[in-house]
Amino acid sequence: MNFVIIDTDQKLPEGQKAVVQKYFRGYIPHVVVIDRFGKALYDDAGEVEESIIAKYLDKALSK
């Protein structure tokens, strides 16, 4: 599992630019959980409760 924090105020590496272009809609915070196949299991702006994000992380790890 990798956690990637992207600071949109800084110059981004190419890999992070692709993630920002695909998922970011201008709202901070924005949380995306992507499984190992590149499918977004969770993609939404705003804070996420621990119980909700844990469910998606567990799902990503079980595949």
Protein backbone atom coordinates (compact mmCIF):
# COMPACT_ATOMS: atom_id res chain seq x y z
CA MET A 1 0.00 0.00 0.00
CA ASN A 2 1.28 3.44 -0.91
CA PHE A 3 -0.03 6.76 0.32
CA VAL A 4 0.70 9.66 -1.99
CA ILE A 5 0.18 13.20 -0.81
CA ILE A 6 0.14 15.68 -3.66
CA ASP A 7 0.81 19.35 -3.00
CA THR A 8 -0.83 21.20 -5.89
CA ASP A 9 1.05 24.39 -4.90
CA GLN A 10 4.34 22.77 -5.94
CA LYS A 11 5.69 21.67 -9.32
CA LEU A 12 4.52 18.09 -9.76
CA PRO A 13 6.44 15.11 -11.13
CA GLU A 14 4.90 13.62 -14.29
CA GLY A 15 3.30 10.69 -12.44
CA GLN A 16 1.53 12.99 -10.01
CA LYS A 17 0.40 15.28 -12.83
CA ALA A 18 -1.44 12.35 -14.40
CA VAL A 19 -3.21 11.58 -11.11
CA VAL A 20 -4.20 15.23 -10.63
CA GLN A 21 -5.52 15.50 -14.19
CA LYS A 22 -7.56 12.32 -13.84
CA TYR A 23 -9.06 12.78 -10.37
CA PHE A 24 -8.69 16.30 -8.94
CA ARG A 25 -11.70 18.59 -9.36
CA GLY A 26 -10.40 21.63 -7.50
CA TYR A 27 -11.58 20.79 -3.98
CA ILE A 28 -9.25 20.22 -1.04
CA PRO A 29 -9.04 17.74 0.54
CA HIS A 30 -9.66 15.20 -2.20
CA VAL A 31 -9.27 11.50 -1.41
CA VAL A 32 -8.85 8.73 -3.97
CA VAL A 33 -8.37 5.04 -3.19
CA ILE A 34 -7.10 3.15 -6.21
CA ASP A 35 -6.83 -0.64 -6.30
CA ARG A 36 -3.85 -2.47 -7.76
CA PHE A 37 -5.57 -2.61 -11.15
CA GLY A 38 -5.92 1.19 -11.33
CA LYS A 39 -9.65 1.26 -10.60
CA ALA A 40 -10.80 4.05 -8.27
CA LEU A 41 -12.72 2.49 -5.38
CA TYR A 42 -13.30 5.83 -3.67
CA ASP A 43 -13.02 9.26 -5.29
CA ASP A 44 -14.53 12.24 -3.50
CA ALA A 45 -13.73 15.68 -2.12
CA GLY A 46 -13.97 16.46 1.57
CA GLU A 47 -12.86 14.83 4.77
CA VAL A 48 -13.55 11.11 5.11
CA GLU A 49 -14.44 9.38 8.34
CA GLU A 50 -12.02 6.68 9.40
CA SER A 51 -14.64 3.92 9.26
CA ILE A 52 -15.53 4.77 5.67
CA ILE A 53 -11.99 5.03 4.34
CA ALA A 54 -11.02 1.84 6.22
CA LYS A 55 -13.73 -0.04 4.31
CA TYR A 56 -12.31 1.07 0.96
CA LEU A 57 -8.72 0.39 1.99
CA ASP A 58 -9.67 -3.11 3.12
CA LYS A 59 -11.43 -3.68 -0.21
CA ALA A 60 -8.37 -2.49 -2.14
CA LEU A 61 -6.09 -4.81 -0.18
CA SER A 62 -8.34 -7.85 -0.55
CA LYS A 63 -8.27 -7.91 -4.35
